[in-house]
C-alpha atoms as a PDB file:
ATOM      1  CA  MET A   1       0.971   3.833  -9.192  1.00  0.00           C
ATOM      2  CA  TYR A   2      -1.047   5.267  -6.309  1.00  0.00           C
ATOM      3  CA  ILE A   3      -1.098   4.359  -2.607  1.00  0.00           C
ATOM      4  CA  ILE A   4      -4.094   4.728  -0.309  1.00  0.00           C
ATOM      5  CA  LYS A   5      -3.839   3.902   3.439  1.00  0.00           C
ATOM      6  CA  VAL A   6      -7.124   2.835   4.988  1.00  0.00           C
ATOM      7  CA  LYS A   7      -7.752   3.074   8.747  1.00  0.00           C
ATOM      8  CA  GLY A   8      -9.206  -0.019  10.313  1.00  0.00           C
ATOM      9  CA  VAL A   9     -11.970   0.059  12.903  1.00  0.00           C
ATOM     10  CA  ALA A  10     -12.287  -2.105  16.014  1.00  0.00           C
ATOM     11  CA  LYS A  11     -10.990  -5.585  15.124  1.00  0.00           C
ATOM     12  CA  ILE A  12     -10.352  -4.714  11.402  1.00  0.00           C
ATOM     13  CA  PRO A  13      -6.657  -3.807  10.846  1.00  0.00           C
ATOM     14  CA  ASP A  14      -5.273  -0.980   8.793  1.00  0.00           C
ATOM     15  CA  TYR A  15      -4.892  -1.737   5.082  1.00  0.00           C
ATOM     16  CA  VAL A  16      -3.085  -0.356   2.077  1.00  0.00           C
ATOM     17  CA  GLN A  17      -4.354  -0.237  -1.483  1.00  0.00           C
ATOM     18  CA  LEU A  18      -2.019  -0.030  -4.483  1.00  0.00           C
ATOM     19  CA  ARG A  19      -3.659   1.199  -7.635  1.00  0.00           C
ATOM     20  CA  ASP A  20      -2.407   1.811 -11.219  1.00  0.00           C
ATOM     21  CA  ALA A  21      -2.795   4.962 -13.300  1.00  0.00           C
ATOM     22  CA  LYS A  22      -6.368   4.020 -14.261  1.00  0.00           C
ATOM     23  CA  PHE A  23      -7.073   3.509 -10.533  1.00  0.00           C
ATOM     24  CA  THR A  24      -7.519  -0.255 -10.920  1.00  0.00           C
ATOM     25  CA  LEU A  25      -6.794  -2.127  -7.683  1.00  0.00           C
ATOM     26  CA  LEU A  26      -3.415  -3.931  -7.965  1.00  0.00           C
ATOM     27  CA  ALA A  27      -2.966  -5.002  -4.379  1.00  0.00           C
ATOM     28  CA  TYR A  28      -4.715  -4.787  -1.013  1.00  0.00           C
ATOM     29  CA  PHE A  29      -2.764  -5.779   2.039  1.00  0.00           C
ATOM     30  CA  ARG A  30      -2.440  -5.224   5.792  1.00  0.00           C
ATOM     31  CA  VAL A  31       0.079  -2.558   6.754  1.00  0.00           C
ATOM     32  CA  ASP A  32       1.948  -5.086   8.874  1.00  0.00           C
ATOM     33  CA  ARG A  33       2.044  -7.846   6.210  1.00  0.00           C
ATOM     34  CA  PRO A  34       3.025  -6.492   2.783  1.00  0.00           C
ATOM     35  CA  ASP A  35       5.457  -9.272   1.816  1.00  0.00           C
ATOM     36  CA  LYS A  36       3.374 -11.597  -0.433  1.00  0.00           C
ATOM     37  CA  SER A  37       1.395  -8.810  -2.142  1.00  0.00           C
ATOM     38  CA  LEU A  38       4.537  -6.836  -3.084  1.00  0.00           C
ATOM     39  CA  GLU A  39       6.269 -10.005  -4.182  1.00  0.00           C
ATOM     40  CA  LYS A  40       3.349 -10.874  -6.528  1.00  0.00           C
ATOM     41  CA  LEU A  41       3.610  -7.382  -8.122  1.00  0.00           C
ATOM     42  CA  GLY A  42       7.372  -7.775  -8.558  1.00  0.00           C
ATOM     43  CA  LEU A  43       8.100  -5.036  -6.070  1.00  0.00           C
ATOM     44  CA  ALA A  44       9.761  -7.158  -3.299  1.00  0.00           C
ATOM     45  CA  ASP A  45      13.137  -5.394  -3.919  1.00  0.00           C
ATOM     46  CA  LYS A  46      11.412  -2.035  -3.254  1.00  0.00           C
ATOM     47  CA  GLN A  47       9.581  -3.079  -0.157  1.00  0.00           C
ATOM     48  CA  ASP A  48      11.624  -0.959   2.274  1.00  0.00           C
ATOM     49  CA  TYR A  49      11.094   2.194   0.109  1.00  0.00           C
ATOM     50  CA  ILE A  50       7.314   1.555  -0.246  1.00  0.00           C
ATOM     51  CA  MET A  51       6.905   0.793   3.473  1.00  0.00           C
ATOM     52  CA  ASN A  52       8.665   4.019   4.492  1.00  0.00           C
ATOM     53  CA  ILE A  53       6.226   5.941   2.351  1.00  0.00           C
ATOM     54  CA  ILE A  54       3.205   4.046   3.736  1.00  0.00           C
ATOM     55  CA  ASN A  55       4.281   4.551   7.382  1.00  0.00           C
ATOM     56  CA  ALA A  56       4.609   8.312   6.839  1.00  0.00           C
ATOM     57  CA  LEU A  57       1.327   8.546   4.884  1.00  0.00           C
ATOM     58  CA  PRO A  58      -1.767   9.853   6.703  1.00  0.00           C
ATOM     59  CA  PHE A  59      -4.918   7.707   6.518  1.00  0.00           C
ATOM     60  CA  GLY A  60      -7.273   8.406   3.598  1.00  0.00           C
ATOM     61  CA  GLN A  61      -4.841  10.394   1.463  1.00  0.00           C
ATOM     62  CA  VAL A  62      -4.123   9.248  -2.099  1.00  0.00           C
ATOM     63  CA  THR A  63      -0.414   9.571  -2.916  1.00  0.00           C
ATOM     64  CA  LYS A  64       1.351   8.992  -6.244  1.00  0.00           C
ATOM     65  CA  LEU A  65       4.150   6.515  -5.989  1.00  0.00           C
ATOM     66  CA  GLU A  66       7.076   6.951  -8.410  1.00  0.00           C
ATOM     67  CA  ILE A  67       9.042   3.719  -8.876  1.00  0.00           C
END
């Protein structure tokens, strides 16, 4: 799985994209509201781990997530 953090502009907030190995979009959510999206993917129990990575991640960088 891959994570991309997208910088918002003006009134548009920052977003995160989660993509699979084929780069298909799995989830797209606001940085400050990951709850429902991660729950739908079955990753609610790993939310703290994923959010720590997202908060440290620079905008625009694709990072592989090992879960």
